[in-house]
């Protein structure tokens, strides 16, 4: 379980790729990352990392597992961390390509994370649903 006030240090520990630049990111992804230790500013970098892992541009199954384990631990944390995860990590799932979305929901999201995501579904159009 994570504490909202320590989420940035947790991210740095769980994902050394972000700070060490082991994964190549465009410079703008780092412009505000970790600025003033505000927890929401790392999410553009995190989403780029997730995109690279899901599309196979980073050949590291351990990274994909760490990302979804991190999300699950956030889902089991205090309310502020759960809310942060729901807004910054789960809501963007609805913007994924339909096939990638289904892969994430059926194969990667762990029980607590999936439970939170299911509660969001009535408020968003799933990528698998036809738009009007």
C-alpha atoms as a PDB file:
ATOM      1  CA  UNK A   1       0.000   0.000   0.000  1.00  0.00           C
ATOM      2  CA  UNK A   2       1.189   3.460  -0.835  1.00  0.00           C
ATOM      3  CA  UNK A   3       0.948   6.786   0.919  1.00  0.00           C
ATOM      4  CA  UNK A   4      -0.071   9.830  -1.140  1.00  0.00           C
ATOM      5  CA  UNK A   5       2.725  11.946   0.335  1.00  0.00           C
ATOM      6  CA  UNK A   6       5.334   9.375  -0.681  1.00  0.00           C
ATOM      7  CA  UNK A   7       4.017   8.363  -4.091  1.00  0.00           C
ATOM      8  CA  UNK A   8       6.793  10.151  -6.018  1.00  0.00           C
ATOM      9  CA  UNK A   9       9.549   8.359  -4.118  1.00  0.00           C
ATOM     10  CA  UNK A  10       7.623   5.115  -4.654  1.00  0.00           C
ATOM     11  CA  UNK A  11       7.430   5.764  -8.406  1.00  0.00           C
ATOM     12  CA  UNK A  12      11.156   6.495  -8.523  1.00  0.00           C
ATOM     13  CA  UNK A  13      11.866   3.222  -6.715  1.00  0.00           C
ATOM     14  CA  UNK A  14       9.461   1.078  -8.759  1.00  0.00           C
ATOM     15  CA  UNK A  15      10.383   2.571 -12.122  1.00  0.00           C
ATOM     16  CA  UNK A  16      14.063   3.512 -12.266  1.00  0.00           C
ATOM     17  CA  UNK A  17      13.637   3.643 -16.064  1.00  0.00           C
ATOM     18  CA  UNK A  18      11.939   6.997 -15.686  1.00  0.00           C
ATOM     19  CA  UNK A  19      14.749   8.855 -13.961  1.00  0.00           C
ATOM     20  CA  UNK A  20      17.695   6.969 -15.359  1.00  0.00           C
ATOM     21  CA  UNK A  21      16.313   7.358 -18.879  1.00  0.00           C
ATOM     22  CA  UNK A  22      16.934   3.665 -19.615  1.00  0.00           C
ATOM     23  CA  UNK A  23      13.877   3.985 -21.811  1.00  0.00           C
ATOM     24  CA  UNK A  24      14.157   6.717 -24.403  1.00  0.00           C
ATOM     25  CA  UNK A  25      11.606   9.470 -23.880  1.00  0.00           C
ATOM     26  CA  UNK A  26      11.196  12.713 -25.750  1.00  0.00           C
ATOM     27  CA  UNK A  27      12.521  15.653 -23.681  1.00  0.00           C
ATOM     28  CA  UNK A  28       9.095  17.204 -23.063  1.00  0.00           C
ATOM     29  CA  UNK A  29       8.103  14.162 -21.025  1.00  0.00           C
ATOM     30  CA  UNK A  30      10.704  15.115 -18.435  1.00  0.00           C
ATOM     31  CA  UNK A  31      10.038  18.842 -18.423  1.00  0.00           C
ATOM     32  CA  UNK A  32       7.742  18.759 -15.407  1.00  0.00           C
ATOM     33  CA  UNK A  33       8.355  15.241 -14.139  1.00  0.00           C
ATOM     34  CA  UNK A  34       8.933  15.175 -10.389  1.00  0.00           C
ATOM     35  CA  UNK A  35       8.720  18.982 -10.222  1.00  0.00           C
ATOM     36  CA  UNK A  36       8.061  20.002  -6.621  1.00  0.00           C
ATOM     37  CA  UNK A  37       7.164  16.390  -5.804  1.00  0.00           C
ATOM     38  CA  UNK A  38       3.578  16.825  -6.967  1.00  0.00           C
ATOM     39  CA  UNK A  39       2.294  13.285  -7.555  1.00  0.00           C
ATOM     40  CA  UNK A  40       0.255  13.936 -10.677  1.00  0.00           C
ATOM     41  CA  UNK A  41       3.095  15.314 -12.787  1.00  0.00           C
ATOM     42  CA  UNK A  42       4.741  11.964 -13.442  1.00  0.00           C
ATOM     43  CA  UNK A  43       1.718  10.542 -15.243  1.00  0.00           C
ATOM     44  CA  UNK A  44       2.621  11.714 -18.774  1.00  0.00           C
ATOM     45  CA  UNK A  45       5.916   9.871 -18.374  1.00  0.00           C
ATOM     46  CA  UNK A  46       4.198   6.895 -16.803  1.00  0.00           C
ATOM     47  CA  UNK A  47       1.710   6.688 -19.678  1.00  0.00           C
ATOM     48  CA  UNK A  48       4.527   6.846 -22.215  1.00  0.00           C
ATOM     49  CA  UNK A  49       6.205   3.983 -20.363  1.00  0.00           C
ATOM     50  CA  UNK A  50       2.955   2.004 -20.380  1.00  0.00           C
ATOM     51  CA  UNK A  51       2.439   2.696 -24.086  1.00  0.00           C
ATOM     52  CA  UNK A  52       5.946   1.486 -24.894  1.00  0.00           C
ATOM     53  CA  UNK A  53       5.396  -1.671 -22.852  1.00  0.00           C
ATOM     54  CA  UNK A  54       1.946  -2.466 -24.311  1.00  0.00           C
ATOM     55  CA  UNK A  55       3.001  -1.876 -27.921  1.00  0.00           C
ATOM     56  CA  UNK A  56       6.128  -3.985 -27.536  1.00  0.00           C
ATOM     57  CA  UNK A  57       8.477  -1.079 -28.211  1.00  0.00           C
ATOM     58  CA  UNK A  58      10.103  -1.994 -24.921  1.00  0.00           C
ATOM     59  CA  UNK A  59      10.829  -5.710 -24.797  1.00  0.00           C
ATOM     60  CA  UNK A  60      10.558  -6.159 -21.065  1.00  0.00           C
ATOM     61  CA  UNK A  61       7.738  -8.302 -19.695  1.00  0.00           C
ATOM     62  CA  UNK A  62       8.908  -7.489 -16.192  1.00  0.00           C
ATOM     63  CA  UNK A  63       8.159  -3.805 -16.849  1.00  0.00           C
ATOM     64  CA  UNK A  64       4.578  -4.544 -17.879  1.00  0.00           C
ATOM     65  CA  UNK A  65       4.085  -6.683 -14.777  1.00  0.00           C
ATOM     66  CA  UNK A  66       5.558  -3.946 -12.546  1.00  0.00           C
ATOM     67  CA  UNK A  67       3.243  -1.328 -14.039  1.00  0.00           C
ATOM     68  CA  UNK A  68       0.089  -3.314 -13.312  1.00  0.00           C
ATOM     69  CA  UNK A  69       1.332  -4.445  -9.906  1.00  0.00           C
ATOM     70  CA  UNK A  70       2.005  -0.777  -9.109  1.00  0.00           C
ATOM     71  CA  UNK A  71      -1.560   0.081 -10.130  1.00  0.00           C
ATOM     72  CA  UNK A  72      -2.918  -2.744  -7.957  1.00  0.00           C
ATOM     73  CA  UNK A  73      -0.953  -1.514  -4.956  1.00  0.00           C
ATOM     74  CA  UNK A  74      -2.337   1.966  -5.567  1.00  0.00           C
ATOM     75  CA  UNK A  75      -5.842   0.488  -5.674  1.00  0.00           C
ATOM     76  CA  UNK A  76      -5.230  -1.018  -2.223  1.00  0.00           C
ATOM     77  CA  UNK A  77      -3.942   2.231  -0.748  1.00  0.00           C
ATOM     78  CA  UNK A  78      -5.592   5.164   0.992  1.00  0.00           C
ATOM     79  CA  UNK A  79      -8.412   7.077  -0.646  1.00  0.00           C
ATOM     80  CA  UNK A  80      -6.191   9.874  -2.011  1.00  0.00           C
ATOM     81  CA  UNK A  81      -3.947   7.348  -3.775  1.00  0.00           C
ATOM     82  CA  UNK A  82      -6.943   5.398  -5.121  1.00  0.00           C
ATOM     83  CA  UNK A  83      -8.475   8.609  -6.474  1.00  0.00           C
ATOM     84  CA  UNK A  84      -5.184   9.599  -8.086  1.00  0.00           C
ATOM     85  CA  UNK A  85      -4.909   6.181  -9.714  1.00  0.00           C
ATOM     86  CA  UNK A  86      -8.542   6.205 -10.858  1.00  0.00           C
ATOM     87  CA  UNK A  87      -8.277   9.598 -12.542  1.00  0.00           C
ATOM     88  CA  UNK A  88      -4.717   9.538 -13.832  1.00  0.00           C
ATOM     89  CA  UNK A  89      -4.260   5.868 -14.675  1.00  0.00           C
ATOM     90  CA  UNK A  90      -7.636   4.242 -15.219  1.00  0.00           C
ATOM     91  CA  UNK A  91      -9.628   6.964 -16.969  1.00  0.00           C
ATOM     92  CA  UNK A  92      -7.066   7.174 -19.807  1.00  0.00           C
ATOM     93  CA  UNK A  93      -7.675   3.481 -20.513  1.00  0.00           C
ATOM     94  CA  UNK A  94     -10.913   4.521 -22.190  1.00  0.00           C
ATOM     95  CA  UNK A  95      -8.881   6.348 -24.842  1.00  0.00           C
ATOM     96  CA  UNK A  96      -6.906   3.259 -25.850  1.00  0.00           C
ATOM     97  CA  UNK A  97      -7.454   1.405 -29.098  1.00  0.00           C
ATOM     98  CA  UNK A  98     -10.208  -1.200 -28.635  1.00  0.00           C
ATOM     99  CA  UNK A  99      -7.911  -4.224 -28.961  1.00  0.00           C
ATOM    100  CA  UNK A 100      -5.340  -2.793 -26.545  1.00  0.00           C
ATOM    101  CA  UNK A 101      -8.109  -1.813 -24.126  1.00  0.00           C
ATOM    102  CA  UNK A 102      -9.523  -5.354 -24.116  1.00  0.00           C
ATOM    103  CA  UNK A 103      -6.050  -6.816 -23.615  1.00  0.00           C
ATOM    104  CA  UNK A 104      -5.467  -4.522 -20.628  1.00  0.00           C
ATOM    105  CA  UNK A 105      -8.866  -5.189 -19.047  1.00  0.00           C
ATOM    106  CA  UNK A 106      -8.879  -8.949 -19.585  1.00  0.00           C
ATOM    107  CA  UNK A 107      -5.202  -9.804 -19.063  1.00  0.00           C
ATOM    108  CA  UNK A 108      -3.442  -7.110 -17.076  1.00  0.00           C
ATOM    109  CA  UNK A 109      -5.713  -5.332 -14.612  1.00  0.00           C
ATOM    110  CA  UNK A 110      -5.607  -7.043 -11.248  1.00  0.00           C
ATOM    111  CA  UNK A 111      -8.712  -7.541  -9.037  1.00  0.00           C
ATOM    112  CA  UNK A 112      -8.808  -4.295  -7.005  1.00  0.00           C
ATOM    113  CA  UNK A 113      -7.814  -2.178 -10.002  1.00  0.00           C
ATOM    114  CA  UNK A 114     -10.402  -3.891 -12.187  1.00  0.00           C
ATOM    115  CA  UNK A 115     -13.074  -3.317  -9.540  1.00  0.00           C
ATOM    116  CA  UNK A 116     -12.373   0.435  -9.554  1.00  0.00           C
ATOM    117  CA  UNK A 117     -12.315   0.458 -13.364  1.00  0.00           C
ATOM    118  CA  UNK A 118     -15.692  -1.295 -13.538  1.00  0.00           C
ATOM    119  CA  UNK A 119     -17.185   1.430 -11.339  1.00  0.00           C
ATOM    120  CA  UNK A 120     -15.998   4.007 -13.896  1.00  0.00           C
ATOM    121  CA  UNK A 121     -17.450   2.234 -16.932  1.00  0.00           C
ATOM    122  CA  UNK A 122     -20.968   3.720 -16.725  1.00  0.00           C
ATOM    123  CA  UNK A 123     -19.448   7.195 -17.103  1.00  0.00           C
ATOM    124  CA  UNK A 124     -17.229   6.581 -20.141  1.00  0.00           C
ATOM    125  CA  UNK A 125     -17.652   5.204 -23.620  1.00  0.00           C
ATOM    126  CA  UNK A 126     -15.591   2.042 -23.871  1.00  0.00           C
ATOM    127  CA  UNK A 127     -13.282   1.861 -26.908  1.00  0.00           C
ATOM    128  CA  UNK A 128     -15.083  -1.362 -27.751  1.00  0.00           C
ATOM    129  CA  UNK A 129     -18.499   0.283 -27.901  1.00  0.00           C
ATOM    130  CA  UNK A 130     -19.648   1.981 -31.057  1.00  0.00           C
ATOM    131  CA  UNK A 131     -19.949   5.735 -30.810  1.00  0.00           C
ATOM    132  CA  UNK A 132     -23.143   7.357 -31.961  1.00  0.00           C
END
